[in-house]
Amino acid sequence: MANTFASTQTLKAYEDKIKAQVQEAKAKLEQVEATAKAKRADRELTAISDLNATKQNIDRKLQDLKKTHETYHARAKADINQDVATFKDSVNELAGKFTSQPARK
């Protein structure tokens, strides 16, 4: 029983860490989205829509992790970690395009 409690606590800490990372990237994505809308950057808005879908997929995987047998936690976490890293990199790359490109006329 104590082992299950420890496992639940560890899973909760992991979930909180991932949610914080995703929320930080999501906040940045929302800033990029506002800039993209102001500039009417259709290609970037499409990329933002895709990234929002990626975020929802990460959220779903976090929910699924709670139902996953402990045997598969390591693999599921590795998959989530990879998705979060890709999500954050994509958001940063997209944000970089807006900070490095001159305003359109």
N, C-alpha and C. Protein backbone atom coordinates (compact mmCIF):
# COMPACT_ATOMS: atom_id res chain seq x y z
N MET A 1 0.82 -1.19 0.00
CA MET A 1 0.00 0.00 0.00
C MET A 1 0.86 1.25 0.00
N ALA A 2 1.90 1.28 0.83
CA ALA A 2 2.79 2.44 0.90
C ALA A 2 3.48 2.66 -0.44
N ASN A 3 3.84 1.57 -1.12
CA ASN A 3 4.49 1.68 -2.42
C ASN A 3 3.55 2.33 -3.44
N THR A 4 2.28 1.98 -3.40
CA THR A 4 1.30 2.56 -4.31
C THR A 4 1.15 4.05 -4.02
N PHE A 5 1.14 4.42 -2.75
CA PHE A 5 1.04 5.83 -2.38
C PHE A 5 2.24 6.61 -2.89
N ALA A 6 3.43 6.05 -2.72
CA ALA A 6 4.66 6.70 -3.20
C ALA A 6 4.62 6.84 -4.72
N SER A 7 4.15 5.81 -5.38
CA SER A 7 4.05 5.84 -6.83
C SER A 7 3.06 6.92 -7.28
N THR A 8 1.95 7.04 -6.58
CA THR A 8 0.94 8.05 -6.89
C THR A 8 1.52 9.45 -6.68
N GLN A 9 2.27 9.63 -5.60
CA GLN A 9 2.89 10.93 -5.31
C GLN A 9 3.92 11.28 -6.40
N THR A 10 4.71 10.30 -6.81
CA THR A 10 5.71 10.52 -7.84
C THR A 10 5.04 10.88 -9.16
N LEU A 11 3.98 10.18 -9.48
CA LEU A 11 3.23 10.46 -10.69
C LEU A 11 2.63 11.86 -10.66
N LYS A 12 2.11 12.26 -9.51
CA LYS A 12 1.53 13.60 -9.35
C LYS A 12 2.60 14.67 -9.53
N ALA A 13 3.78 14.46 -8.95
CA ALA A 13 4.88 15.42 -9.09
C ALA A 13 5.31 15.53 -10.56
N TYR A 14 5.37 14.39 -11.23
CA TYR A 14 5.72 14.39 -12.65
C TYR A 14 4.68 15.15 -13.45
N GLU A 15 3.42 14.87 -13.19
CA GLU A 15 2.33 15.54 -13.90
C GLU A 15 2.39 17.05 -13.69
N ASP A 16 2.63 17.48 -12.46
CA ASP A 16 2.72 18.91 -12.16
C ASP A 16 3.88 19.56 -12.91
N LYS A 17 5.01 18.85 -12.98
CA LYS A 17 6.19 19.37 -13.68
C LYS A 17 5.89 19.54 -15.17
N ILE A 18 5.28 18.53 -15.76
CA ILE A 18 4.96 18.59 -17.20
C ILE A 18 3.94 19.69 -17.47
N LYS A 19 2.91 19.78 -16.64
CA LYS A 19 1.90 20.81 -16.83
C LYS A 19 2.51 22.21 -16.75
N ALA A 20 3.44 22.41 -15.84
CA ALA A 20 4.10 23.71 -15.72
C ALA A 20 4.90 24.04 -16.98
N GLN A 21 5.62 23.05 -17.50
CA GLN A 21 6.40 23.27 -18.72
C GLN A 21 5.49 23.58 -19.90
N VAL A 22 4.41 22.83 -20.02
CA VAL A 22 3.48 23.02 -21.13
C VAL A 22 2.79 24.38 -20.99
N GLN A 23 2.40 24.76 -19.78
CA GLN A 23 1.72 26.04 -19.57
C GLN A 23 2.65 27.21 -19.93
N GLU A 24 3.92 27.09 -19.59
CA GLU A 24 4.88 28.14 -19.93
C GLU A 24 4.98 28.30 -21.46
N ALA A 25 5.07 27.17 -22.15
CA ALA A 25 5.14 27.22 -23.61
C ALA A 25 3.82 27.71 -24.20
N LYS A 26 2.71 27.31 -23.60
CA LYS A 26 1.39 27.74 -24.08
C LYS A 26 1.23 29.25 -23.94
N ALA A 27 1.72 29.82 -22.86
CA ALA A 27 1.64 31.27 -22.67
C ALA A 27 2.44 31.98 -23.76
N LYS A 28 3.60 31.46 -24.08
CA LYS A 28 4.42 32.04 -25.14
C LYS A 28 3.71 31.89 -26.49
N LEU A 29 3.08 30.74 -26.69
CA LEU A 29 2.34 30.49 -27.93
C LEU A 29 1.20 31.48 -28.08
N GLU A 30 0.52 31.80 -26.99
CA GLU A 30 -0.58 32.76 -27.04
C GLU A 30 -0.07 34.15 -27.43
N GLN A 31 1.12 34.53 -26.97
CA GLN A 31 1.72 35.80 -27.36
C GLN A 31 2.03 35.80 -28.85
N VAL A 32 2.59 34.70 -29.34
CA VAL A 32 2.91 34.57 -30.75
C VAL A 32 1.63 34.63 -31.58
N GLU A 33 0.58 33.98 -31.08
CA GLU A 33 -0.69 33.98 -31.79
C GLU A 33 -1.24 35.39 -31.93
N ALA A 34 -1.17 36.18 -30.88
CA ALA A 34 -1.65 37.55 -30.93
C ALA A 34 -0.86 38.36 -31.97
N THR A 35 0.44 38.16 -32.00
CA THR A 35 1.29 38.84 -32.99
C THR A 35 0.95 38.37 -34.39
N ALA A 36 0.77 37.08 -34.56
CA ALA A 36 0.45 36.52 -35.88
C ALA A 36 -0.89 37.06 -36.39
N LYS A 37 -1.86 37.16 -35.50
CA LYS A 37 -3.17 37.70 -35.90
C LYS A 37 -3.04 39.16 -36.30
N ALA A 38 -2.26 39.92 -35.54
CA ALA A 38 -2.06 41.33 -35.85
C ALA A 38 -1.37 41.51 -37.20
N LYS A 39 -0.47 40.61 -37.53
CA LYS A 39 0.27 40.69 -38.79
C LYS A 39 -0.43 39.93 -39.92
N ARG A 40 -1.53 39.29 -39.58
CA ARG A 40 -2.27 38.45 -40.55
C ARG A 40 -1.35 37.42 -41.20
N ALA A 41 -0.59 36.74 -40.37
CA ALA A 41 0.36 35.73 -40.81
C ALA A 41 -0.33 34.37 -40.85
N ASP A 42 -0.95 34.06 -41.96
CA ASP A 42 -1.76 32.84 -42.08
C ASP A 42 -0.96 31.56 -41.86
N ARG A 43 0.24 31.49 -42.40
CA ARG A 43 1.05 30.28 -42.26
C ARG A 43 1.37 30.03 -40.78
N GLU A 44 1.71 31.11 -40.07
CA GLU A 44 2.02 30.98 -38.65
C GLU A 44 0.78 30.62 -37.84
N LEU A 45 -0.36 31.17 -38.24
CA LEU A 45 -1.60 30.83 -37.53
C LEU A 45 -1.95 29.35 -37.71
N THR A 46 -1.66 28.81 -38.87
CA THR A 46 -1.87 27.37 -39.09
C THR A 46 -0.93 26.57 -38.20
N ALA A 47 0.33 27.00 -38.11
CA ALA A 47 1.30 26.32 -37.24
C ALA A 47 0.85 26.39 -35.78
N ILE A 48 0.31 27.53 -35.38
CA ILE A 48 -0.17 27.69 -34.01
C ILE A 48 -1.33 26.74 -33.75
N SER A 49 -2.22 26.61 -34.70
CA SER A 49 -3.34 25.67 -34.56
C SER A 49 -2.82 24.24 -34.38
N ASP A 50 -1.82 23.89 -35.16
CA ASP A 50 -1.21 22.55 -35.05
C ASP A 50 -0.57 22.37 -33.66
N LEU A 51 0.09 23.40 -33.17
CA LEU A 51 0.73 23.31 -31.85
C LEU A 51 -0.31 23.22 -30.74
N ASN A 52 -1.44 23.89 -30.91
CA ASN A 52 -2.52 23.75 -29.92
C ASN A 52 -3.03 22.31 -29.88
N ALA A 53 -3.10 21.68 -31.04
CA ALA A 53 -3.50 20.27 -31.10
C ALA A 53 -2.45 19.39 -30.41
N THR A 54 -1.18 19.72 -30.59
CA THR A 54 -0.10 18.99 -29.93
C THR A 54 -0.23 19.11 -28.42
N LYS A 55 -0.53 20.31 -27.93
CA LYS A 55 -0.71 20.53 -26.50
C LYS A 55 -1.86 19.67 -25.97
N GLN A 56 -2.96 19.63 -26.71
CA GLN A 56 -4.10 18.80 -26.30
C GLN A 56 -3.72 17.32 -26.25
N ASN A 57 -2.88 16.90 -27.19
CA ASN A 57 -2.42 15.52 -27.21
C ASN A 57 -1.56 15.21 -25.97
N ILE A 58 -0.72 16.16 -25.59
CA ILE A 58 0.10 15.99 -24.38
C ILE A 58 -0.80 15.89 -23.16
N ASP A 59 -1.80 16.77 -23.09
CA ASP A 59 -2.75 16.73 -21.97
C ASP A 59 -3.45 15.37 -21.89
N ARG A 60 -3.83 14.84 -23.05
CA ARG A 60 -4.50 13.54 -23.09
C ARG A 60 -3.56 12.43 -22.61
N LYS A 61 -2.32 12.49 -23.04
CA LYS A 61 -1.35 11.48 -22.62
C LYS A 61 -1.11 11.54 -21.11
N LEU A 62 -1.11 12.74 -20.54
CA LEU A 62 -0.97 12.86 -19.08
C LEU A 62 -2.14 12.21 -18.37
N GLN A 63 -3.34 12.40 -18.90
CA GLN A 63 -4.52 11.76 -18.31
C GLN A 63 -4.43 10.24 -18.44
N ASP A 64 -4.00 9.79 -19.61
CA ASP A 64 -3.86 8.35 -19.84
C ASP A 64 -2.81 7.73 -18.93
N LEU A 65 -1.78 8.51 -18.58
CA LEU A 65 -0.71 7.99 -17.73
C LEU A 65 -1.25 7.53 -16.38
N LYS A 66 -2.27 8.20 -15.88
CA LYS A 66 -2.87 7.83 -14.60
C LYS A 66 -3.47 6.43 -14.65
N LYS A 67 -3.93 6.03 -15.84
CA LYS A 67 -4.58 4.73 -16.00
C LYS A 67 -3.59 3.65 -16.46
N THR A 68 -2.38 4.06 -16.78
CA THR A 68 -1.38 3.14 -17.30
C THR A 68 -0.78 2.32 -16.17
N HIS A 69 -0.59 1.05 -16.41
CA HIS A 69 0.03 0.18 -15.42
C HIS A 69 1.45 0.65 -15.17
N GLU A 70 1.91 0.54 -13.92
CA GLU A 70 3.25 1.01 -13.52
C GLU A 70 4.36 0.47 -14.40
N THR A 71 4.18 -0.72 -14.91
CA THR A 71 5.18 -1.35 -15.76
C THR A 71 5.50 -0.48 -16.97
N TYR A 72 4.52 0.26 -17.44
CA TYR A 72 4.67 1.05 -18.66
C TYR A 72 4.90 2.54 -18.40
N HIS A 73 5.00 2.94 -17.14
CA HIS A 73 5.18 4.36 -16.81
C HIS A 73 6.44 4.95 -17.45
N ALA A 74 7.54 4.24 -17.37
CA ALA A 74 8.80 4.77 -17.90
C ALA A 74 8.69 5.08 -19.39
N ARG A 75 8.12 4.15 -20.13
CA ARG A 75 7.98 4.37 -21.57
C ARG A 75 6.99 5.49 -21.86
N ALA A 76 5.89 5.54 -21.13
CA ALA A 76 4.90 6.59 -21.32
C ALA A 76 5.49 7.96 -20.98
N LYS A 77 6.26 8.03 -19.90
CA LYS A 77 6.90 9.30 -19.52
C LYS A 77 7.92 9.73 -20.57
N ALA A 78 8.67 8.80 -21.09
CA ALA A 78 9.65 9.13 -22.13
C ALA A 78 8.96 9.70 -23.36
N ASP A 79 7.83 9.10 -23.72
CA ASP A 79 7.05 9.58 -24.85
C ASP A 79 6.52 10.99 -24.58
N ILE A 80 6.00 11.22 -23.40
CA ILE A 80 5.49 12.54 -23.03
C ILE A 80 6.63 13.55 -23.00
N ASN A 81 7.76 13.17 -22.41
CA ASN A 81 8.91 14.08 -22.36
C ASN A 81 9.34 14.50 -23.76
N GLN A 82 9.35 13.55 -24.68
CA GLN A 82 9.73 13.86 -26.07
C GLN A 82 8.72 14.81 -26.69
N ASP A 83 7.44 14.57 -26.47
CA ASP A 83 6.40 15.45 -27.01
C ASP A 83 6.51 16.86 -26.44
N VAL A 84 6.77 16.96 -25.14
CA VAL A 84 6.90 18.27 -24.50
C VAL A 84 8.12 19.00 -25.05
N ALA A 85 9.22 18.31 -25.19
CA ALA A 85 10.44 18.93 -25.73
C ALA A 85 10.21 19.44 -27.16
N THR A 86 9.56 18.63 -27.97
CA THR A 86 9.25 19.03 -29.34
C THR A 86 8.30 20.22 -29.36
N PHE A 87 7.29 20.18 -28.50
CA PHE A 87 6.32 21.27 -28.39
C PHE A 87 7.03 22.58 -28.02
N LYS A 88 7.86 22.52 -26.98
CA LYS A 88 8.57 23.72 -26.53
C LYS A 88 9.52 24.24 -27.61
N ASP A 89 10.24 23.34 -28.26
CA ASP A 89 11.16 23.76 -29.34
C ASP A 89 10.40 24.41 -30.49
N SER A 90 9.26 23.85 -30.84
CA SER A 90 8.45 24.40 -31.93
C SER A 90 7.91 25.77 -31.57
N VAL A 91 7.45 25.92 -30.35
CA VAL A 91 6.95 27.23 -29.90
C VAL A 91 8.08 28.25 -29.93
N ASN A 92 9.25 27.88 -29.41
CA ASN A 92 10.39 28.79 -29.40
C ASN A 92 10.83 29.16 -30.82
N GLU A 93 10.81 28.20 -31.71
CA GLU A 93 11.18 28.45 -33.11
C GLU A 93 10.19 29.42 -33.74
N LEU A 94 8.93 29.20 -33.52
CA LEU A 94 7.89 30.07 -34.07
C LEU A 94 8.00 31.47 -33.48
N ALA A 95 8.23 31.54 -32.18
CA ALA A 95 8.39 32.85 -31.52
C ALA A 95 9.61 33.57 -32.08
N GLY A 96 10.66 32.83 -32.36
CA GLY A 96 11.88 33.42 -32.92
C GLY A 96 11.65 34.04 -34.28
N LYS A 97 10.77 33.46 -35.06
CA LYS A 97 10.46 34.01 -36.39
C LYS A 97 9.86 35.41 -36.26
N PHE A 98 9.06 35.61 -35.24
CA PHE A 98 8.41 36.91 -35.08
C PHE A 98 9.35 37.95 -34.49
N THR A 99 10.31 37.53 -33.71
CA THR A 99 11.22 38.50 -33.12
C THR A 99 12.37 38.83 -34.08
N SER A 100 12.59 37.97 -35.09
CA SER A 100 13.71 38.20 -36.00
C SER A 100 13.29 38.78 -37.34
N GLN A 101 12.00 38.72 -37.67
CA GLN A 101 11.58 39.21 -38.98
C GLN A 101 11.09 40.64 -38.90
N PRO A 102 11.38 41.44 -39.93
CA PRO A 102 10.88 42.81 -39.94
C PRO A 102 9.38 42.83 -40.16
N ALA A 103 8.74 43.88 -39.74
CA ALA A 103 7.29 44.01 -39.91
C ALA A 103 6.96 44.10 -41.39
N ARG A 104 5.87 43.44 -41.77
CA ARG A 104 5.41 43.50 -43.17
C ARG A 104 4.71 44.81 -43.44
N LYS A 105 4.84 45.27 -44.66
CA LYS A 105 4.17 46.53 -45.05
C LYS A 105 3.10 46.25 -46.06
